[in-house]
Amino acid sequence: MVADQAVCIQPLLLTGLYTYAQGLRSLWYLHSGDCVVAFSRKDIYTLKRRIEKNLGLKCCVVYGSLPPETRKAQAELFNAPDNGYDVLVASGELLSCYRINAVA
């Protein structure tokens, strides 16, 4: 018998979080400070390449199989002001694990 306990923690959002009523129809609607959620590693890197190539915005990437130190470093880069990183591309389950300063 395992005596482990699970604790569910409600994430603290530093700013309001808004979602679109429909999916993002075009990357042209992205701005610095936005976060894009994808559901596979392949989709995350495809979005990152498209955003950087087509919009000239620099992306940070966070997903589950990255080493914890790398995930933390990417989240910190995104949160740091005026560092040249504009957009966070992440998997949905990880957004509740980090404090993200998203533009509302």
C-alpha atoms as a PDB file:
ATOM      1  CA  MET A   1       0.000   0.000   0.000  1.00  0.00           C
ATOM      2  CA  VAL A   2       1.310   3.437  -0.937  1.00  0.00           C
ATOM      3  CA  ALA A   3       0.729   6.310   1.467  1.00  0.00           C
ATOM      4  CA  ASP A   4       1.543   9.121  -0.981  1.00  0.00           C
ATOM      5  CA  GLN A   5      -0.726  12.142  -1.044  1.00  0.00           C
ATOM      6  CA  ALA A   6      -1.519  14.337  -4.000  1.00  0.00           C
ATOM      7  CA  VAL A   7      -1.999  18.047  -3.479  1.00  0.00           C
ATOM      8  CA  CYS A   8      -3.758  20.156  -6.092  1.00  0.00           C
ATOM      9  CA  ILE A   9      -2.546  23.753  -6.111  1.00  0.00           C
ATOM     10  CA  GLN A  10      -4.406  26.506  -7.920  1.00  0.00           C
ATOM     11  CA  PRO A  11      -1.828  28.417  -9.976  1.00  0.00           C
ATOM     12  CA  LEU A  12      -1.273  32.080  -9.168  1.00  0.00           C
ATOM     13  CA  LEU A  13      -1.661  34.214 -12.268  1.00  0.00           C
ATOM     14  CA  LEU A  14       0.300  37.426 -12.052  1.00  0.00           C
ATOM     15  CA  THR A  15      -1.989  39.073 -14.591  1.00  0.00           C
ATOM     16  CA  GLY A  16      -5.401  38.248 -15.978  1.00  0.00           C
ATOM     17  CA  LEU A  17      -5.547  35.277 -18.328  1.00  0.00           C
ATOM     18  CA  TYR A  18      -7.711  35.632 -21.388  1.00  0.00           C
ATOM     19  CA  THR A  19      -8.531  33.063 -24.009  1.00  0.00           C
ATOM     20  CA  TYR A  20      -9.941  33.536 -27.471  1.00  0.00           C
ATOM     21  CA  ALA A  21     -13.454  32.276 -28.149  1.00  0.00           C
ATOM     22  CA  GLN A  22     -12.015  30.566 -31.236  1.00  0.00           C
ATOM     23  CA  GLY A  23      -8.591  29.206 -32.026  1.00  0.00           C
ATOM     24  CA  LEU A  24      -5.883  31.569 -33.168  1.00  0.00           C
ATOM     25  CA  ARG A  25      -6.594  32.020 -36.874  1.00  0.00           C
ATOM     26  CA  SER A  26      -3.276  33.614 -37.731  1.00  0.00           C
ATOM     27  CA  LEU A  27       0.098  34.090 -36.106  1.00  0.00           C
ATOM     28  CA  TRP A  28      -0.125  37.752 -37.146  1.00  0.00           C
ATOM     29  CA  TYR A  29      -2.301  38.339 -34.070  1.00  0.00           C
ATOM     30  CA  LEU A  30       0.576  37.464 -31.709  1.00  0.00           C
ATOM     31  CA  HIS A  31       2.324  40.180 -29.746  1.00  0.00           C
ATOM     32  CA  SER A  32       5.267  40.311 -27.402  1.00  0.00           C
ATOM     33  CA  GLY A  33       4.238  38.825 -24.046  1.00  0.00           C
ATOM     34  CA  ASP A  34       1.810  36.281 -25.502  1.00  0.00           C
ATOM     35  CA  CYS A  35       1.828  32.565 -24.731  1.00  0.00           C
ATOM     36  CA  VAL A  36       0.830  29.941 -27.288  1.00  0.00           C
ATOM     37  CA  VAL A  37      -0.220  26.482 -26.128  1.00  0.00           C
ATOM     38  CA  ALA A  38       0.456  23.422 -28.262  1.00  0.00           C
ATOM     39  CA  PHE A  39      -0.198  19.785 -27.474  1.00  0.00           C
ATOM     40  CA  SER A  40       2.807  17.955 -28.883  1.00  0.00           C
ATOM     41  CA  ARG A  41       6.544  18.592 -28.962  1.00  0.00           C
ATOM     42  CA  LYS A  42       6.446  18.582 -32.765  1.00  0.00           C
ATOM     43  CA  ASP A  43       3.717  21.262 -32.772  1.00  0.00           C
ATOM     44  CA  ILE A  44       5.630  23.341 -30.220  1.00  0.00           C
ATOM     45  CA  TYR A  45       8.762  23.457 -32.363  1.00  0.00           C
ATOM     46  CA  THR A  46       6.784  24.003 -35.579  1.00  0.00           C
ATOM     47  CA  LEU A  47       5.061  27.012 -33.996  1.00  0.00           C
ATOM     48  CA  LYS A  48       8.367  28.323 -32.645  1.00  0.00           C
ATOM     49  CA  ARG A  49       9.986  28.192 -36.096  1.00  0.00           C
ATOM     50  CA  ARG A  50       6.987  29.827 -37.793  1.00  0.00           C
ATOM     51  CA  ILE A  51       6.739  32.624 -35.225  1.00  0.00           C
ATOM     52  CA  GLU A  52      10.461  33.394 -35.346  1.00  0.00           C
ATOM     53  CA  LYS A  53      10.662  33.219 -39.155  1.00  0.00           C
ATOM     54  CA  ASN A  54       7.449  35.023 -40.076  1.00  0.00           C
ATOM     55  CA  LEU A  55       7.061  37.532 -37.242  1.00  0.00           C
ATOM     56  CA  GLY A  56      10.619  38.090 -36.086  1.00  0.00           C
ATOM     57  CA  LEU A  57       9.585  37.409 -32.483  1.00  0.00           C
ATOM     58  CA  LYS A  58      11.958  35.319 -30.376  1.00  0.00           C
ATOM     59  CA  CYS A  59      10.395  32.343 -28.567  1.00  0.00           C
ATOM     60  CA  CYS A  60      11.004  30.457 -25.352  1.00  0.00           C
ATOM     61  CA  VAL A  61       9.874  26.811 -25.229  1.00  0.00           C
ATOM     62  CA  VAL A  62       8.569  24.813 -22.255  1.00  0.00           C
ATOM     63  CA  TYR A  63       7.250  21.234 -22.342  1.00  0.00           C
ATOM     64  CA  GLY A  64       7.227  18.194 -20.100  1.00  0.00           C
ATOM     65  CA  SER A  65      10.187  16.142 -21.315  1.00  0.00           C
ATOM     66  CA  LEU A  66      12.668  19.026 -21.165  1.00  0.00           C
ATOM     67  CA  PRO A  67      15.058  18.760 -18.208  1.00  0.00           C
ATOM     68  CA  PRO A  68      13.664  20.662 -15.191  1.00  0.00           C
ATOM     69  CA  GLU A  69      16.560  23.127 -15.235  1.00  0.00           C
ATOM     70  CA  THR A  70      15.892  23.936 -18.890  1.00  0.00           C
ATOM     71  CA  ARG A  71      12.160  24.409 -18.293  1.00  0.00           C
ATOM     72  CA  LYS A  72      12.882  26.759 -15.404  1.00  0.00           C
ATOM     73  CA  ALA A  73      15.476  28.713 -17.403  1.00  0.00           C
ATOM     74  CA  GLN A  74      13.084  29.135 -20.350  1.00  0.00           C
ATOM     75  CA  ALA A  75      10.259  30.367 -18.085  1.00  0.00           C
ATOM     76  CA  GLU A  76      12.660  32.816 -16.421  1.00  0.00           C
ATOM     77  CA  LEU A  77      13.835  34.101 -19.816  1.00  0.00           C
ATOM     78  CA  PHE A  78      10.251  34.725 -20.880  1.00  0.00           C
ATOM     79  CA  ASN A  79       9.442  36.513 -17.611  1.00  0.00           C
ATOM     80  CA  ALA A  80      12.556  38.723 -17.605  1.00  0.00           C
ATOM     81  CA  PRO A  81      11.817  42.201 -18.996  1.00  0.00           C
ATOM     82  CA  ASP A  82      13.641  43.524 -22.053  1.00  0.00           C
ATOM     83  CA  ASN A  83      15.715  40.409 -22.737  1.00  0.00           C
ATOM     84  CA  GLY A  84      14.715  39.902 -26.355  1.00  0.00           C
ATOM     85  CA  TYR A  85      12.393  36.916 -25.811  1.00  0.00           C
ATOM     86  CA  ASP A  86       8.859  37.759 -26.846  1.00  0.00           C
ATOM     87  CA  VAL A  87       6.590  34.695 -26.947  1.00  0.00           C
ATOM     88  CA  LEU A  88       6.291  31.539 -24.854  1.00  0.00           C
ATOM     89  CA  VAL A  89       5.352  28.359 -26.713  1.00  0.00           C
ATOM     90  CA  ALA A  90       4.421  25.694 -24.161  1.00  0.00           C
ATOM     91  CA  SER A  91       2.465  22.544 -23.514  1.00  0.00           C
ATOM     92  CA  GLY A  92      -0.790  23.109 -21.664  1.00  0.00           C
ATOM     93  CA  GLU A  93      -0.068  21.026 -18.579  1.00  0.00           C
ATOM     94  CA  LEU A  94       3.089  22.987 -17.799  1.00  0.00           C
ATOM     95  CA  LEU A  95       1.450  26.389 -17.670  1.00  0.00           C
ATOM     96  CA  SER A  96       0.119  25.587 -14.205  1.00  0.00           C
ATOM     97  CA  CYS A  97       3.629  24.759 -12.955  1.00  0.00           C
ATOM     98  CA  TYR A  98       5.325  28.109 -13.518  1.00  0.00           C
ATOM     99  CA  ARG A  99       4.641  31.713 -12.713  1.00  0.00           C
ATOM    100  CA  ILE A 100       4.270  33.316 -16.100  1.00  0.00           C
ATOM    101  CA  ASN A 101       3.986  37.057 -16.604  1.00  0.00           C
ATOM    102  CA  ALA A 102       1.646  37.076 -19.579  1.00  0.00           C
ATOM    103  CA  VAL A 103       0.413  40.296 -21.099  1.00  0.00           C
ATOM    104  CA  ALA A 104      -3.303  40.653 -20.461  1.00  0.00           C
END
